[in-house]
């Protein structure tokens, strides 16, 4: 959620619907001193990958209504904002958005799949795929990342 807030802040503060990329970077790195220029570029790229902004022709346009976002007084994004969300968490968010339920309810729906239907012998990555299929939520683009996640856990 703080990614949405960090992206909305420059648009709200400057009262613009579109910013030049340099204006966006200036606001994040120089004006607010939230991060350096390289990190501000990473933030913008992360937002683009998350489908929060469109970057074209040197301008940045939010793909959501920034007016609905409240930027708390004294807000400063945490360093974790630049880290990628796990594919598991991304699918949870997709399912929540598609079904209109809170993410914690989606997670609660995963537990019976793992414990009741598979006697605890199913990884959460597989359970979230089953849940995505149940709700007709696309998940194919996350399969490779989910597989890597399972293999990384297995190796440690």
Protein backbone atom coordinates (compact mmCIF):
# COMPACT_ATOMS: atom_id res chain seq x y z
CA UNK A 1 0.00 0.00 0.00
CA UNK A 2 2.85 2.39 0.69
CA UNK A 3 3.89 2.04 -2.97
CA UNK A 4 0.52 3.51 -3.99
CA UNK A 5 0.97 6.32 -1.46
CA UNK A 6 4.55 7.09 -2.57
CA UNK A 7 3.46 7.24 -6.20
CA UNK A 8 0.38 9.37 -5.45
CA UNK A 9 2.29 11.91 -3.33
CA UNK A 10 3.98 13.89 -6.14
CA UNK A 11 0.77 14.04 -8.20
CA UNK A 12 -1.28 15.21 -5.23
CA UNK A 13 1.32 17.72 -4.04
CA UNK A 14 1.81 19.28 -7.47
CA UNK A 15 -1.89 18.97 -8.32
CA UNK A 16 -1.16 17.44 -11.71
CA UNK A 17 -2.61 14.45 -13.54
CA UNK A 18 0.62 13.88 -15.46
CA UNK A 19 4.23 14.61 -14.51
CA UNK A 20 7.42 14.67 -16.48
CA UNK A 21 9.69 11.85 -15.38
CA UNK A 22 12.23 14.45 -14.21
CA UNK A 23 9.55 16.18 -12.08
CA UNK A 24 8.64 12.86 -10.47
CA UNK A 25 12.30 11.99 -9.73
CA UNK A 26 12.95 15.54 -8.45
CA UNK A 27 10.01 15.34 -6.04
CA UNK A 28 11.01 11.95 -4.62
CA UNK A 29 14.79 12.46 -4.48
CA UNK A 30 15.43 16.20 -4.10
CA UNK A 31 12.26 17.82 -2.73
CA UNK A 32 11.28 15.13 -0.19
CA UNK A 33 14.70 13.48 0.15
CA UNK A 34 12.99 10.11 0.49
CA UNK A 35 15.70 8.36 -1.54
CA UNK A 36 18.45 9.06 -4.04
CA UNK A 37 17.86 9.52 -7.79
CA UNK A 38 18.71 5.90 -8.63
CA UNK A 39 16.26 4.61 -6.02
CA UNK A 40 13.60 7.04 -7.26
CA UNK A 41 14.05 5.56 -10.75
CA UNK A 42 13.73 2.07 -9.24
CA UNK A 43 10.55 3.18 -7.47
CA UNK A 44 9.12 4.42 -10.75
CA UNK A 45 10.05 1.16 -12.50
CA UNK A 46 8.52 -0.90 -9.68
CA UNK A 47 5.31 1.14 -9.95
CA UNK A 48 5.28 0.60 -13.72
CA UNK A 49 5.71 -3.16 -13.27
CA UNK A 50 2.92 -3.18 -10.68
CA UNK A 51 0.60 -1.45 -13.15
CA UNK A 52 0.30 1.71 -11.08
CA UNK A 53 1.74 4.12 -13.64
CA UNK A 54 2.29 4.46 -17.35
CA UNK A 55 5.62 5.89 -18.46
CA UNK A 56 5.67 7.08 -22.06
CA UNK A 57 7.31 9.91 -23.93
CA UNK A 58 9.10 11.13 -20.81
CA UNK A 59 5.88 11.58 -18.85
CA UNK A 60 4.41 9.61 -15.96
CA UNK A 61 0.66 9.06 -15.65
CA UNK A 62 -0.96 7.25 -12.72
CA UNK A 63 -3.28 4.38 -13.67
CA UNK A 64 -5.40 4.74 -10.54
CA UNK A 65 -7.27 7.58 -8.90
CA UNK A 66 -4.67 9.35 -6.76
CA UNK A 67 -7.42 11.52 -5.26
CA UNK A 68 -8.62 8.45 -3.35
CA UNK A 69 -5.19 8.02 -1.71
CA UNK A 70 -4.44 9.80 1.56
CA UNK A 71 -0.82 10.71 2.08
CA UNK A 72 -0.31 10.71 5.86
CA UNK A 73 1.39 13.73 7.41
CA UNK A 74 5.12 13.03 7.65
CA UNK A 75 4.88 10.04 5.29
CA UNK A 76 8.19 8.58 4.18
CA UNK A 77 8.31 5.30 2.24
CA UNK A 78 10.25 2.49 3.88
CA UNK A 79 13.23 0.93 2.12
CA UNK A 80 11.25 -2.30 1.60
CA UNK A 81 9.15 -0.43 -0.98
CA UNK A 82 11.86 -1.14 -3.57
CA UNK A 83 11.83 -4.87 -2.89
CA UNK A 84 9.72 -7.07 -5.09
CA UNK A 85 6.58 -8.57 -3.64
CA UNK A 86 6.63 -12.34 -3.56
CA UNK A 87 4.61 -14.04 -6.31
CA UNK A 88 2.50 -15.60 -3.56
CA UNK A 89 1.59 -12.17 -2.18
CA UNK A 90 0.88 -10.84 -5.67
CA UNK A 91 -1.58 -13.67 -6.33
CA UNK A 92 -3.24 -13.11 -2.96
CA UNK A 93 -3.70 -9.45 -3.94
CA UNK A 94 -5.11 -10.42 -7.35
CA UNK A 95 -7.59 -12.84 -5.82
CA UNK A 96 -8.63 -10.24 -3.25
CA UNK A 97 -9.17 -7.65 -5.99
CA UNK A 98 -11.11 -10.07 -8.20
CA UNK A 99 -13.38 -11.28 -5.43
CA UNK A 100 -13.71 -7.98 -3.60
CA UNK A 101 -12.60 -9.51 -0.31
CA UNK A 102 -9.80 -8.38 2.02
CA UNK A 103 -6.45 -10.10 1.63
CA UNK A 104 -6.62 -11.59 5.12
CA UNK A 105 -9.86 -13.36 4.14
CA UNK A 106 -8.15 -14.81 1.06
CA UNK A 107 -5.34 -16.12 3.27
CA UNK A 108 -7.94 -17.59 5.63
CA UNK A 109 -9.48 -19.37 2.63
CA UNK A 110 -6.08 -20.94 1.86
CA UNK A 111 -5.74 -22.66 5.22
CA UNK A 112 -8.58 -25.20 4.77
CA UNK A 113 -7.25 -26.06 1.32
CA UNK A 114 -3.88 -26.95 2.81
CA UNK A 115 -5.05 -28.63 6.02
CA UNK A 116 -8.38 -30.24 5.13
CA UNK A 117 -8.00 -31.20 1.49
CA UNK A 118 -4.30 -32.09 1.54
CA UNK A 119 -3.65 -32.98 5.20
CA UNK A 120 -1.00 -30.25 5.44
CA UNK A 121 1.01 -31.76 2.57
CA UNK A 122 0.61 -28.82 0.21
CA UNK A 123 2.80 -25.75 -0.03
CA UNK A 124 1.15 -22.35 0.14
CA UNK A 125 2.42 -21.55 -3.36
CA UNK A 126 0.40 -24.47 -4.75
CA UNK A 127 -2.62 -23.64 -2.61
CA UNK A 128 -2.73 -20.08 -3.89
CA UNK A 129 -2.70 -21.39 -7.47
CA UNK A 130 -5.64 -23.68 -6.67
CA UNK A 131 -7.49 -20.75 -5.13
CA UNK A 132 -6.72 -18.56 -8.16
CA UNK A 133 -8.14 -21.28 -10.43
CA UNK A 134 -11.24 -21.53 -8.25
CA UNK A 135 -11.89 -17.78 -8.63
CA UNK A 136 -10.86 -17.65 -12.32
CA UNK A 137 -7.95 -15.33 -11.55
CA UNK A 138 -5.03 -15.46 -14.01
CA UNK A 139 -1.91 -16.94 -12.44
CA UNK A 140 0.08 -18.37 -15.35
CA UNK A 141 2.49 -15.43 -15.43
CA UNK A 142 3.50 -16.20 -11.83
CA UNK A 143 4.13 -19.95 -12.19
CA UNK A 144 7.88 -19.63 -12.86
CA UNK A 145 8.35 -17.27 -9.91
CA UNK A 146 6.28 -19.55 -7.65
CA UNK A 147 8.37 -22.53 -8.72
CA UNK A 148 11.60 -20.62 -7.95
CA UNK A 149 10.16 -19.68 -4.55
CA UNK A 150 9.45 -23.32 -3.71
CA UNK A 151 12.90 -24.41 -4.89
CA UNK A 152 14.61 -21.67 -2.86
CA UNK A 153 12.77 -22.79 0.28
CA UNK A 154 13.62 -26.41 -0.43
CA UNK A 155 17.33 -25.57 -0.83
CA UNK A 156 17.59 -23.69 2.47
